[in-house]
């Protein structure tokens, strides 16, 4: 993948992740009912990842606790952990960043279960 510096028309070969903005927001909606519960608000988390090149990317987590068990709080907690994990890393190495996130969530879940099992 090549990203170009628009001012110098040169390819950028390294783009450091400098920081991540994390926002919680709720959107009122018509009640959405399924067998396991009713939702009155979409409980979302929005993120913006900033880079040293002044380029940013955005993402969103739409928690659906009745189906996945994810809540807005768990999305916020993971977003904060992910932000710390990715800070200072090369944003252009997308496969590397995705592997780190995958490895982190596996070890994160294993460590939680390990603590619970040892308690």
PDB file of N, CA and C in Angstrom:
ATOM      1  N   UNK A   1       0.842  -1.160   0.000  1.00  0.00           N
ATOM      2  CA  UNK A   1       0.000   0.000   0.000  1.00  0.00           C
ATOM      3  C   UNK A   1       0.893   1.229   0.000  1.00  0.00           C
ATOM      4  N   UNK A   2       0.574   2.186  -0.826  1.00  0.00           N
ATOM      5  CA  UNK A   2       1.297   3.447  -0.856  1.00  0.00           C
ATOM      6  C   UNK A   2       0.348   4.585  -0.531  1.00  0.00           C
ATOM      7  N   UNK A   3       0.798   5.439   0.342  1.00  0.00           N
ATOM      8  CA  UNK A   3       0.094   6.680   0.640  1.00  0.00           C
ATOM      9  C   UNK A   3       1.043   7.784   0.224  1.00  0.00           C
ATOM     10  N   UNK A   4       0.539   8.793  -0.455  1.00  0.00           N
ATOM     11  CA  UNK A   4       1.407   9.851  -0.949  1.00  0.00           C
ATOM     12  C   UNK A   4       1.282  11.110  -0.122  1.00  0.00           C
ATOM     13  N   UNK A   5       2.431  11.738   0.093  1.00  0.00           N
ATOM     14  CA  UNK A   5       2.479  13.056   0.707  1.00  0.00           C
ATOM     15  C   UNK A   5       2.035  14.032  -0.371  1.00  0.00           C
ATOM     16  N   UNK A   6       0.880  14.617  -0.195  1.00  0.00           N
ATOM     17  CA  UNK A   6       0.323  15.480  -1.233  1.00  0.00           C
ATOM     18  C   UNK A   6       1.147  16.735  -1.466  1.00  0.00           C
ATOM     19  N   UNK A   7       1.917  17.173  -0.482  1.00  0.00           N
ATOM     20  CA  UNK A   7       2.719  18.386  -0.633  1.00  0.00           C
ATOM     21  C   UNK A   7       3.980  18.130  -1.451  1.00  0.00           C
ATOM     22  N   UNK A   8       4.593  16.965  -1.267  1.00  0.00           N
ATOM     23  CA  UNK A   8       5.854  16.676  -1.957  1.00  0.00           C
ATOM     24  C   UNK A   8       5.690  15.610  -3.042  1.00  0.00           C
ATOM     25  N   UNK A   9       4.499  15.033  -3.146  1.00  0.00           N
ATOM     26  CA  UNK A   9       4.210  13.981  -4.116  1.00  0.00           C
ATOM     27  C   UNK A   9       5.191  12.807  -3.984  1.00  0.00           C
ATOM     28  N   UNK A  10       5.535  12.480  -2.745  1.00  0.00           N
ATOM     29  CA  UNK A  10       6.426  11.359  -2.456  1.00  0.00           C
ATOM     30  C   UNK A  10       5.659  10.306  -1.666  1.00  0.00           C
ATOM     31  N   UNK A  11       5.971   9.028  -1.897  1.00  0.00           N
ATOM     32  CA  UNK A  11       5.266   8.002  -1.120  1.00  0.00           C
ATOM     33  C   UNK A  11       5.667   8.062   0.352  1.00  0.00           C
ATOM     34  N   UNK A  12       4.695   7.832   1.206  1.00  0.00           N
ATOM     35  CA  UNK A  12       4.939   7.731   2.649  1.00  0.00           C
ATOM     36  C   UNK A  12       5.149   6.255   2.937  1.00  0.00           C
ATOM     37  N   UNK A  13       6.279   5.898   3.529  1.00  0.00           N
ATOM     38  CA  UNK A  13       6.568   4.492   3.785  1.00  0.00           C
ATOM     39  C   UNK A  13       6.348   4.106   5.238  1.00  0.00           C
ATOM     40  N   UNK A  14       6.191   5.081   6.118  1.00  0.00           N
ATOM     41  CA  UNK A  14       5.908   4.815   7.525  1.00  0.00           C
ATOM     42  C   UNK A  14       4.981   5.907   8.021  1.00  0.00           C
ATOM     43  N   UNK A  15       3.922   5.497   8.690  1.00  0.00           N
ATOM     44  CA  UNK A  15       2.965   6.448   9.224  1.00  0.00           C
ATOM     45  C   UNK A  15       2.638   6.015  10.649  1.00  0.00           C
ATOM     46  N   UNK A  16       3.173   6.732  11.615  1.00  0.00           N
ATOM     47  CA  UNK A  16       3.012   6.367  13.020  1.00  0.00           C
ATOM     48  C   UNK A  16       1.616   6.733  13.518  1.00  0.00           C
ATOM     49  N   UNK A  17       1.011   5.815  14.258  1.00  0.00           N
ATOM     50  CA  UNK A  17      -0.253   6.114  14.935  1.00  0.00           C
ATOM     51  C   UNK A  17       0.086   6.984  16.137  1.00  0.00           C
ATOM     52  N   UNK A  18      -0.436   8.203  16.146  1.00  0.00           N
ATOM     53  CA  UNK A  18      -0.078   9.158  17.201  1.00  0.00           C
ATOM     54  C   UNK A  18      -1.048   9.132  18.378  1.00  0.00           C
ATOM     55  N   UNK A  19      -2.326   9.046  18.095  1.00  0.00           N
ATOM     56  CA  UNK A  19      -3.315   8.980  19.167  1.00  0.00           C
ATOM     57  C   UNK A  19      -4.670   8.568  18.600  1.00  0.00           C
ATOM     58  N   UNK A  20      -5.557   8.214  19.509  1.00  0.00           N
ATOM     59  CA  UNK A  20      -6.906   7.786  19.131  1.00  0.00           C
ATOM     60  C   UNK A  20      -7.923   8.554  19.954  1.00  0.00           C
ATOM     61  N   UNK A  21      -8.912   9.116  19.261  1.00  0.00           N
ATOM     62  CA  UNK A  21     -10.054   9.741  19.942  1.00  0.00           C
ATOM     63  C   UNK A  21     -11.136   8.683  20.086  1.00  0.00           C
ATOM     64  N   UNK A  22     -11.749   8.625  21.252  1.00  0.00           N
ATOM     65  CA  UNK A  22     -12.801   7.643  21.518  1.00  0.00           C
ATOM     66  C   UNK A  22     -14.021   8.390  22.046  1.00  0.00           C
ATOM     67  N   UNK A  23     -15.152   8.191  21.388  1.00  0.00           N
ATOM     68  CA  UNK A  23     -16.386   8.882  21.761  1.00  0.00           C
ATOM     69  C   UNK A  23     -17.495   7.866  22.034  1.00  0.00           C
ATOM     70  N   UNK A  24     -18.243   8.118  23.077  1.00  0.00           N
ATOM     71  CA  UNK A  24     -19.437   7.325  23.388  1.00  0.00           C
ATOM     72  C   UNK A  24     -20.636   8.143  22.913  1.00  0.00           C
ATOM     73  N   UNK A  25     -21.563   7.481  22.232  1.00  0.00           N
ATOM     74  CA  UNK A  25     -22.794   8.188  21.885  1.00  0.00           C
ATOM     75  C   UNK A  25     -23.961   7.218  21.820  1.00  0.00           C
ATOM     76  N   UNK A  26     -25.123   7.738  22.152  1.00  0.00           N
ATOM     77  CA  UNK A  26     -26.347   6.945  22.152  1.00  0.00           C
ATOM     78  C   UNK A  26     -27.353   7.612  21.223  1.00  0.00           C
ATOM     79  N   UNK A  27     -28.019   6.806  20.439  1.00  0.00           N
ATOM     80  CA  UNK A  27     -28.995   7.310  19.484  1.00  0.00           C
ATOM     81  C   UNK A  27     -30.358   6.731  19.845  1.00  0.00           C
ATOM     82  N   UNK A  28     -31.288   7.618  20.180  1.00  0.00           N
ATOM     83  CA  UNK A  28     -32.642   7.164  20.491  1.00  0.00           C
ATOM     84  C   UNK A  28     -33.238   6.556  19.231  1.00  0.00           C
ATOM     85  N   UNK A  29     -33.936   5.439  19.415  1.00  0.00           N
ATOM     86  CA  UNK A  29     -34.542   4.779  18.262  1.00  0.00           C
ATOM     87  C   UNK A  29     -35.898   4.216  18.657  1.00  0.00           C
ATOM     88  N   UNK A  30     -36.665   3.832  17.674  1.00  0.00           N
ATOM     89  CA  UNK A  30     -37.917   3.136  17.946  1.00  0.00           C
ATOM     90  C   UNK A  30     -37.561   1.863  18.697  1.00  0.00           C
ATOM     91  N   UNK A  31     -38.332   1.475  19.706  1.00  0.00           N
ATOM     92  CA  UNK A  31     -38.004   0.251  20.438  1.00  0.00           C
ATOM     93  C   UNK A  31     -37.826  -0.940  19.490  1.00  0.00           C
ATOM     94  N   UNK A  32     -36.726  -1.643  19.707  1.00  0.00           N
ATOM     95  CA  UNK A  32     -36.383  -2.803  18.900  1.00  0.00           C
ATOM     96  C   UNK A  32     -36.443  -4.004  19.837  1.00  0.00           C
ATOM     97  N   UNK A  33     -37.426  -4.867  19.631  1.00  0.00           N
ATOM     98  CA  UNK A  33     -37.643  -5.980  20.553  1.00  0.00           C
ATOM     99  C   UNK A  33     -37.345  -7.314  19.879  1.00  0.00           C
ATOM    100  N   UNK A  34     -36.633  -8.152  20.632  1.00  0.00           N
ATOM    101  CA  UNK A  34     -36.439  -9.551  20.257  1.00  0.00           C
ATOM    102  C   UNK A  34     -36.721 -10.373  21.511  1.00  0.00           C
ATOM    103  N   UNK A  35     -36.656 -11.667  21.406  1.00  0.00           N
ATOM    104  CA  UNK A  35     -37.020 -12.539  22.532  1.00  0.00           C
ATOM    105  C   UNK A  35     -36.197 -12.261  23.790  1.00  0.00           C
ATOM    106  N   UNK A  36     -34.943 -11.830  23.642  1.00  0.00           N
ATOM    107  CA  UNK A  36     -34.069 -11.651  24.809  1.00  0.00           C
ATOM    108  C   UNK A  36     -34.099 -10.243  25.400  1.00  0.00           C
ATOM    109  N   UNK A  37     -34.805  -9.307  24.769  1.00  0.00           N
ATOM    110  CA  UNK A  37     -34.884  -7.963  25.336  1.00  0.00           C
ATOM    111  C   UNK A  37     -35.275  -6.910  24.317  1.00  0.00           C
ATOM    112  N   UNK A  38     -35.417  -5.689  24.816  1.00  0.00           N
ATOM    113  CA  UNK A  38     -35.800  -4.550  23.982  1.00  0.00           C
ATOM    114  C   UNK A  38     -34.748  -3.462  24.104  1.00  0.00           C
ATOM    115  N   UNK A  39     -34.378  -2.906  22.973  1.00  0.00           N
ATOM    116  CA  UNK A  39     -33.416  -1.786  22.959  1.00  0.00           C
ATOM    117  C   UNK A  39     -34.163  -0.501  22.598  1.00  0.00           C
ATOM    118  N   UNK A  40     -33.873   0.564  23.349  1.00  0.00           N
ATOM    119  CA  UNK A  40     -34.474   1.871  23.103  1.00  0.00           C
ATOM    120  C   UNK A  40     -33.458   2.863  22.546  1.00  0.00           C
ATOM    121  N   UNK A  41     -32.193   2.522  22.702  1.00  0.00           N
ATOM    122  CA  UNK A  41     -31.100   3.367  22.220  1.00  0.00           C
ATOM    123  C   UNK A  41     -30.059   2.492  21.541  1.00  0.00           C
ATOM    124  N   UNK A  42     -29.490   2.994  20.464  1.00  0.00           N
ATOM    125  CA  UNK A  42     -28.306   2.366  19.900  1.00  0.00           C
ATOM    126  C   UNK A  42     -27.137   2.890  20.732  1.00  0.00           C
ATOM    127  N   UNK A  43     -26.428   2.009  21.387  1.00  0.00           N
ATOM    128  CA  UNK A  43     -25.317   2.369  22.269  1.00  0.00           C
ATOM    129  C   UNK A  43     -24.018   2.150  21.518  1.00  0.00           C
ATOM    130  N   UNK A  44     -23.454   3.202  20.954  1.00  0.00           N
ATOM    131  CA  UNK A  44     -22.309   3.079  20.059  1.00  0.00           C
ATOM    132  C   UNK A  44     -21.049   3.708  20.626  1.00  0.00           C
ATOM    133  N   UNK A  45     -19.929   3.323  20.034  1.00  0.00           N
ATOM    134  CA  UNK A  45     -18.621   3.928  20.320  1.00  0.00           C
ATOM    135  C   UNK A  45     -18.002   4.263  18.965  1.00  0.00           C
ATOM    136  N   UNK A  46     -17.535   5.484  18.835  1.00  0.00           N
ATOM    137  CA  UNK A  46     -16.914   5.965  17.605  1.00  0.00           C
ATOM    138  C   UNK A  46     -15.447   6.227  17.900  1.00  0.00           C
ATOM    139  N   UNK A  47     -14.551   5.803  17.005  1.00  0.00           N
ATOM    140  CA  UNK A  47     -13.123   6.075  17.194  1.00  0.00           C
ATOM    141  C   UNK A  47     -12.546   6.766  15.964  1.00  0.00           C
ATOM    142  N   UNK A  48     -11.519   7.556  16.214  1.00  0.00           N
ATOM    143  CA  UNK A  48     -10.767   8.208  15.136  1.00  0.00           C
ATOM    144  C   UNK A  48      -9.296   8.002  15.458  1.00  0.00           C
ATOM    145  N   UNK A  49      -8.577   7.291  14.583  1.00  0.00           N
ATOM    146  CA  UNK A  49      -7.154   7.016  14.770  1.00  0.00           C
ATOM    147  C   UNK A  49      -6.352   8.028  13.955  1.00  0.00           C
ATOM    148  N   UNK A  50      -5.500   8.787  14.623  1.00  0.00           N
ATOM    149  CA  UNK A  50      -4.690   9.833  13.982  1.00  0.00           C
ATOM    150  C   UNK A  50      -3.284   9.321  13.702  1.00  0.00           C
ATOM    151  N   UNK A  51      -2.687   9.827  12.618  1.00  0.00           N
ATOM    152  CA  UNK A  51      -1.331   9.419  12.251  1.00  0.00           C
ATOM    153  C   UNK A  51      -0.403  10.616  12.153  1.00  0.00           C
ATOM    154  N   UNK A  52       0.881  10.310  12.110  1.00  0.00           N
ATOM    155  CA  UNK A  52       1.911  11.342  11.994  1.00  0.00           C
ATOM    156  C   UNK A  52       1.848  12.072  10.657  1.00  0.00           C
ATOM    157  N   UNK A  53       1.174  11.502   9.672  1.00  0.00           N
ATOM    158  CA  UNK A  53       1.043  12.133   8.357  1.00  0.00           C
ATOM    159  C   UNK A  53      -0.170  13.056   8.290  1.00  0.00           C
ATOM    160  N   UNK A  54      -0.902  13.184   9.393  1.00  0.00           N
ATOM    161  CA  UNK A  54      -2.094  14.031   9.398  1.00  0.00           C
ATOM    162  C   UNK A  54      -3.314  13.343   8.817  1.00  0.00           C
ATOM    163  N   UNK A  55      -3.199  12.071   8.526  1.00  0.00           N
ATOM    164  CA  UNK A  55      -4.312  11.281   7.995  1.00  0.00           C
ATOM    165  C   UNK A  55      -4.960  10.557   9.167  1.00  0.00           C
ATOM    166  N   UNK A  56      -6.281  10.419   9.126  1.00  0.00           N
ATOM    167  CA  UNK A  56      -6.941   9.670  10.183  1.00  0.00           C
ATOM    168  C   UNK A  56      -7.938   8.678   9.589  1.00  0.00           C
ATOM    169  N   UNK A  57      -8.230   7.667  10.368  1.00  0.00           N
ATOM    170  CA  UNK A  57      -9.224   6.664  10.004  1.00  0.00           C
ATOM    171  C   UNK A  57     -10.284   6.624  11.083  1.00  0.00           C
ATOM    172  N   UNK A  58     -11.478   6.191  10.720  1.00  0.00           N
ATOM    173  CA  UNK A  58     -12.580   6.147  11.675  1.00  0.00           C
ATOM    174  C   UNK A  58     -13.174   4.743  11.740  1.00  0.00           C
ATOM    175  N   UNK A  59     -13.797   4.447  12.860  1.00  0.00           N
ATOM    176  CA  UNK A  59     -14.473   3.169  13.049  1.00  0.00           C
ATOM    177  C   UNK A  59     -15.565   3.316  14.083  1.00  0.00           C
ATOM    178  N   UNK A  60     -16.395   2.299  14.163  1.00  0.00           N
ATOM    179  CA  UNK A  60     -17.525   2.348  15.080  1.00  0.00           C
ATOM    180  C   UNK A  60     -17.798   0.959  15.631  1.00  0.00           C
ATOM    181  N   UNK A  61     -18.209   0.916  16.882  1.00  0.00           N
ATOM    182  CA  UNK A  61     -18.690  -0.311  17.502  1.00  0.00           C
ATOM    183  C   UNK A  61     -20.156  -0.076  17.849  1.00  0.00           C
ATOM    184  N   UNK A  62     -21.009  -0.935  17.365  1.00  0.00           N
ATOM    185  CA  UNK A  62     -22.436  -0.862  17.686  1.00  0.00           C
ATOM    186  C   UNK A  62     -22.765  -2.060  18.570  1.00  0.00           C
ATOM    187  N   UNK A  63     -22.771  -1.820  19.857  1.00  0.00           N
ATOM    188  CA  UNK A  63     -22.995  -2.902  20.815  1.00  0.00           C
ATOM    189  C   UNK A  63     -24.432  -3.421  20.718  1.00  0.00           C
ATOM    190  N   UNK A  64     -24.583  -4.722  20.837  1.00  0.00           N
ATOM    191  CA  UNK A  64     -25.895  -5.356  20.820  1.00  0.00           C
ATOM    192  C   UNK A  64     -25.895  -6.421  21.917  1.00  0.00           C
ATOM    193  N   UNK A  65     -26.088  -5.989  23.176  1.00  0.00           N
ATOM    194  CA  UNK A  65     -25.902  -6.894  24.311  1.00  0.00           C
ATOM    195  C   UNK A  65     -26.796  -8.128  24.300  1.00  0.00           C
ATOM    196  N   UNK A  66     -27.970  -8.040  23.714  1.00  0.00           N
ATOM    197  CA  UNK A  66     -28.888  -9.182  23.735  1.00  0.00           C
ATOM    198  C   UNK A  66     -28.430 -10.313  22.821  1.00  0.00           C
ATOM    199  N   UNK A  67     -27.597  -9.994  21.856  1.00  0.00           N
ATOM    200  CA  UNK A  67     -27.134 -11.010  20.920  1.00  0.00           C
ATOM    201  C   UNK A  67     -25.676 -11.396  21.192  1.00  0.00           C
ATOM    202  N   UNK A  68     -24.797 -10.393  21.274  1.00  0.00           N
ATOM    203  CA  UNK A  68     -23.362 -10.670  21.379  1.00  0.00           C
ATOM    204  C   UNK A  68     -22.822 -10.608  22.803  1.00  0.00           C
ATOM    205  N   UNK A  69     -23.576  -9.987  23.704  1.00  0.00           N
ATOM    206  CA  UNK A  69     -23.076  -9.781  25.057  1.00  0.00           C
ATOM    207  C   UNK A  69     -22.240  -8.517  25.174  1.00  0.00           C
ATOM    208  N   UNK A  70     -21.905  -7.899  24.042  1.00  0.00           N
ATOM    209  CA  UNK A  70     -21.154  -6.636  24.048  1.00  0.00           C
ATOM    210  C   UNK A  70     -22.046  -5.515  24.536  1.00  0.00           C
ATOM    211  N   UNK A  71     -21.476  -4.658  25.359  1.00  0.00           N
ATOM    212  CA  UNK A  71     -22.182  -3.455  25.795  1.00  0.00           C
ATOM    213  C   UNK A  71     -21.358  -2.245  25.386  1.00  0.00           C
ATOM    214  N   UNK A  72     -21.939  -1.082  25.550  1.00  0.00           N
ATOM    215  CA  UNK A  72     -21.183   0.123  25.243  1.00  0.00           C
ATOM    216  C   UNK A  72     -19.949   0.206  26.151  1.00  0.00           C
ATOM    217  N   UNK A  73     -20.085  -0.224  27.373  1.00  0.00           N
ATOM    218  CA  UNK A  73     -18.959  -0.194  28.317  1.00  0.00           C
ATOM    219  C   UNK A  73     -17.838  -1.135  27.884  1.00  0.00           C
ATOM    220  N   UNK A  74     -18.181  -2.344  27.430  1.00  0.00           N
ATOM    221  CA  UNK A  74     -17.126  -3.256  26.990  1.00  0.00           C
ATOM    222  C   UNK A  74     -16.464  -2.735  25.716  1.00  0.00           C
ATOM    223  N   UNK A  75     -17.245  -2.119  24.832  1.00  0.00           N
ATOM    224  CA  UNK A  75     -16.666  -1.520  23.619  1.00  0.00           C
ATOM    225  C   UNK A  75     -15.705  -0.393  23.984  1.00  0.00           C
ATOM    226  N   UNK A  76     -16.091   0.438  24.958  1.00  0.00           N
ATOM    227  CA  UNK A  76     -15.213   1.528  25.411  1.00  0.00           C
ATOM    228  C   UNK A  76     -13.927   0.980  26.011  1.00  0.00           C
ATOM    229  N   UNK A  77     -14.045  -0.025  26.852  1.00  0.00           N
ATOM    230  CA  UNK A  77     -12.865  -0.605  27.506  1.00  0.00           C
ATOM    231  C   UNK A  77     -11.908  -1.185  26.467  1.00  0.00           C
ATOM    232  N   UNK A  78     -12.430  -1.931  25.506  1.00  0.00           N
ATOM    233  CA  UNK A  78     -11.577  -2.512  24.474  1.00  0.00           C
ATOM    234  C   UNK A  78     -10.975  -1.429  23.587  1.00  0.00           C
ATOM    235  N   UNK A  79     -11.741  -0.392  23.269  1.00  0.00           N
ATOM    236  CA  UNK A  79     -11.220   0.705  22.444  1.00  0.00           C
ATOM    237  C   UNK A  79     -10.037   1.375  23.142  1.00  0.00           C
ATOM    238  N   UNK A  80     -10.132   1.575  24.450  1.00  0.00           N
ATOM    239  CA  UNK A  80      -9.028   2.193  25.196  1.00  0.00           C
ATOM    240  C   UNK A  80      -7.798   1.283  25.197  1.00  0.00           C
ATOM    241  N   UNK A  81      -8.020  -0.015  25.391  1.00  0.00           N
ATOM    242  CA  UNK A  81      -6.906  -0.968  25.363  1.00  0.00           C
ATOM    243  C   UNK A  81      -6.269  -1.021  23.973  1.00  0.00           C
ATOM    244  N   UNK A  82      -7.114  -1.068  22.941  1.00  0.00           N
ATOM    245  CA  UNK A  82      -6.598  -1.101  21.567  1.00  0.00           C
ATOM    246  C   UNK A  82      -5.805   0.157  21.256  1.00  0.00           C
ATOM    247  N   UNK A  83      -6.300   1.316  21.700  1.00  0.00           N
ATOM    248  CA  UNK A  83      -5.606   2.586  21.442  1.00  0.00           C
ATOM    249  C   UNK A  83      -4.199   2.555  22.024  1.00  0.00           C
ATOM    250  N   UNK A  84      -4.052   2.032  23.231  1.00  0.00           N
ATOM    251  CA  UNK A  84      -2.730   1.933  23.860  1.00  0.00           C
ATOM    252  C   UNK A  84      -1.839   0.945  23.112  1.00  0.00           C
ATOM    253  N   UNK A  85      -2.420  -0.155  22.681  1.00  0.00           N
ATOM    254  CA  UNK A  85      -1.670  -1.181  21.954  1.00  0.00           C
ATOM    255  C   UNK A  85      -1.132  -0.639  20.629  1.00  0.00           C
ATOM    256  N   UNK A  86      -1.928   0.166  19.929  1.00  0.00           N
ATOM    257  CA  UNK A  86      -1.561   0.633  18.591  1.00  0.00           C
ATOM    258  C   UNK A  86      -0.711   1.899  18.573  1.00  0.00           C
ATOM    259  N   UNK A  87      -0.716   2.663  19.648  1.00  0.00           N
ATOM    260  CA  UNK A  87       0.005   3.933  19.681  1.00  0.00           C
ATOM    261  C   UNK A  87       1.482   3.740  19.356  1.00  0.00           C
ATOM    262  N   UNK A  88       1.975   4.548  18.413  1.00  0.00           N
ATOM    263  CA  UNK A  88       3.375   4.502  18.022  1.00  0.00           C
ATOM    264  C   UNK A  88       3.694   3.485  16.937  1.00  0.00           C
ATOM    265  N   UNK A  89       2.718   2.667  16.559  1.00  0.00           N
ATOM    266  CA  UNK A  89       2.938   1.626  15.556  1.00  0.00           C
ATOM    267  C   UNK A  89       2.716   2.185  14.149  1.00  0.00           C
ATOM    268  N   UNK A  90       3.161   1.435  13.145  1.00  0.00           N
ATOM    269  CA  UNK A  90       3.034   1.823  11.736  1.00  0.00           C
ATOM    270  C   UNK A  90       1.614   1.559  11.247  1.00  0.00           C
ATOM    271  N   UNK A  91       0.900   2.624  10.906  1.00  0.00           N
ATOM    272  CA  UNK A  91      -0.481   2.500  10.425  1.00  0.00           C
ATOM    273  C   UNK A  91      -0.563   1.844   9.057  1.00  0.00           C
ATOM    274  N   UNK A  92       0.520   1.865   8.296  1.00  0.00           N
ATOM    275  CA  UNK A  92       0.505   1.264   6.959  1.00  0.00           C
ATOM    276  C   UNK A  92       0.589  -0.261   6.992  1.00  0.00           C
ATOM    277  N   UNK A  93       1.072  -0.822   8.092  1.00  0.00           N
ATOM    278  CA  UNK A  93       1.152  -2.275   8.238  1.00  0.00           C
ATOM    279  C   UNK A  93      -0.178  -2.782   8.788  1.00  0.00           C
ATOM    280  N   UNK A  94      -1.186  -2.758   7.946  1.00  0.00           N
ATOM    281  CA  UNK A  94      -2.536  -3.109   8.377  1.00  0.00           C
ATOM    282  C   UNK A  94      -2.613  -4.556   8.844  1.00  0.00           C
ATOM    283  N   UNK A  95      -1.998  -5.476   8.106  1.00  0.00           N
ATOM    284  CA  UNK A  95      -2.029  -6.884   8.510  1.00  0.00           C
ATOM    285  C   UNK A  95      -1.370  -7.075   9.875  1.00  0.00           C
ATOM    286  N   UNK A  96      -0.265  -6.384  10.109  1.00  0.00           N
ATOM    287  CA  UNK A  96       0.408  -6.470  11.401  1.00  0.00           C
ATOM    288  C   UNK A  96      -0.449  -5.936  12.531  1.00  0.00           C
ATOM    289  N   UNK A  97      -1.136  -4.814  12.283  1.00  0.00           N
ATOM    290  CA  UNK A  97      -1.994  -4.237  13.319  1.00  0.00           C
ATOM    291  C   UNK A  97      -3.184  -5.149  13.601  1.00  0.00           C
ATOM    292  N   UNK A  98      -3.789  -5.727  12.552  1.00  0.00           N
ATOM    293  CA  UNK A  98      -4.922  -6.631  12.755  1.00  0.00           C
ATOM    294  C   UNK A  98      -4.500  -7.878  13.521  1.00  0.00           C
ATOM    295  N   UNK A  99      -3.310  -8.392  13.238  1.00  0.00           N
ATOM    296  CA  UNK A  99      -2.806  -9.560  13.970  1.00  0.00           C
ATOM    297  C   UNK A  99      -2.603  -9.217  15.445  1.00  0.00           C
ATOM    298  N   UNK A 100      -2.046  -8.030  15.710  1.00  0.00           N
ATOM    299  CA  UNK A 100      -1.859  -7.612  17.105  1.00  0.00           C
ATOM    300  C   UNK A 100      -3.193  -7.512  17.837  1.00  0.00           C
ATOM    301  N   UNK A 101      -4.201  -6.952  17.175  1.00  0.00           N
ATOM    302  CA  UNK A 101      -5.517  -6.850  17.802  1.00  0.00           C
ATOM    303  C   UNK A 101      -6.095  -8.240  18.061  1.00  0.00           C
ATOM    304  N   UNK A 102      -5.950  -9.127  17.089  1.00  0.00           N
ATOM    305  CA  UNK A 102      -6.445 -10.493  17.241  1.00  0.00           C
ATOM    306  C   UNK A 102      -5.718 -11.207  18.371  1.00  0.00           C
ATOM    307  N   UNK A 103      -4.387 -11.129  18.385  1.00  0.00           N
ATOM    308  CA  UNK A 103      -3.602 -11.765  19.446  1.00  0.00           C
ATOM    309  C   UNK A 103      -3.952 -11.183  20.810  1.00  0.00           C
ATOM    310  N   UNK A 104      -4.170  -9.864  20.874  1.00  0.00           N
ATOM    311  CA  UNK A 104      -4.498  -9.212  22.134  1.00  0.00           C
ATOM    312  C   UNK A 104      -5.834  -9.697  22.668  1.00  0.00           C
ATOM    313  N   UNK A 105      -6.833  -9.801  21.790  1.00  0.00           N
ATOM    314  CA  UNK A 105      -8.151 -10.215  22.276  1.00  0.00           C
ATOM    315  C   UNK A 105      -8.139 -11.658  22.734  1.00  0.00           C
ATOM    316  N   UNK A 106      -7.358 -12.496  22.071  1.00  0.00           N
ATOM    317  CA  UNK A 106      -7.256 -13.889  22.514  1.00  0.00           C
ATOM    318  C   UNK A 106      -6.576 -13.941  23.876  1.00  0.00           C
ATOM    319  N   UNK A 107      -5.454 -13.247  24.029  1.00  0.00           N
ATOM    320  CA  UNK A 107      -4.744 -13.282  25.319  1.00  0.00           C
ATOM    321  C   UNK A 107      -5.541 -12.564  26.396  1.00  0.00           C
ATOM    322  N   UNK A 108      -6.269 -11.509  26.022  1.00  0.00           N
ATOM    323  CA  UNK A 108      -7.101 -10.760  26.974  1.00  0.00           C
ATOM    324  C   UNK A 108      -8.175 -11.683  27.538  1.00  0.00           C
ATOM    325  N   UNK A 109      -8.866 -12.396  26.640  1.00  0.00           N
ATOM    326  CA  UNK A 109      -9.912 -13.318  27.080  1.00  0.00           C
ATOM    327  C   UNK A 109      -9.309 -14.457  27.903  1.00  0.00           C
ATOM    328  N   UNK A 110      -8.174 -14.981  27.454  1.00  0.00           N
ATOM    329  CA  UNK A 110      -7.543 -16.075  28.195  1.00  0.00           C
ATOM    330  C   UNK A 110      -7.112 -15.614  29.586  1.00  0.00           C
ATOM    331  N   UNK A 111      -6.579 -14.391  29.688  1.00  0.00           N
ATOM    332  CA  UNK A 111      -6.130 -13.922  31.010  1.00  0.00           C
ATOM    333  C   UNK A 111      -7.310 -13.715  31.940  1.00  0.00           C
ATOM    334  N   UNK A 112      -8.432 -13.231  31.407  1.00  0.00           N
ATOM    335  CA  UNK A 112      -9.633 -13.053  32.253  1.00  0.00           C
ATOM    336  C   UNK A 112     -10.104 -14.397  32.757  1.00  0.00           C
ATOM    337  N   UNK A 113     -10.169 -15.391  31.872  1.00  0.00           N
ATOM    338  CA  UNK A 113     -10.617 -16.716  32.282  1.00  0.00           C
ATOM    339  C   UNK A 113      -9.610 -17.365  33.210  1.00  0.00           C
ATOM    340  N   UNK A 114      -8.311 -17.130  32.963  1.00  0.00           N
ATOM    341  CA  UNK A 114      -7.285 -17.682  33.840  1.00  0.00           C
ATOM    342  C   UNK A 114      -7.407 -17.161  35.247  1.00  0.00           C
ATOM    343  N   UNK A 115      -7.656 -15.852  35.374  1.00  0.00           N
ATOM    344  CA  UNK A 115      -7.844 -15.258  36.707  1.00  0.00           C
ATOM    345  C   UNK A 115      -9.075 -15.852  37.381  1.00  0.00           C
ATOM    346  N   UNK A 116     -10.158 -15.975  36.628  1.00  0.00           N
ATOM    347  CA  UNK A 116     -11.385 -16.520  37.192  1.00  0.00           C
ATOM    348  C   UNK A 116     -11.190 -17.965  37.628  1.00  0.00           C
ATOM    349  N   UNK A 117     -10.473 -18.754  36.838  1.00  0.00           N
ATOM    350  CA  UNK A 117     -10.270 -20.151  37.182  1.00  0.00           C
ATOM    351  C   UNK A 117      -9.375 -20.324  38.400  1.00  0.00           C
ATOM    352  N   UNK A 118      -8.436 -19.390  38.586  1.00  0.00           N
ATOM    353  CA  UNK A 118      -7.494 -19.482  39.713  1.00  0.00           C
ATOM    354  C   UNK A 118      -8.056 -18.892  40.991  1.00  0.00           C
ATOM    355  N   UNK A 119      -9.152 -18.197  40.897  1.00  0.00           N
ATOM    356  CA  UNK A 119      -9.716 -17.518  42.082  1.00  0.00           C
ATOM    357  C   UNK A 119     -10.383 -18.492  43.028  1.00  0.00           C
TER     358      UNK A 119
END
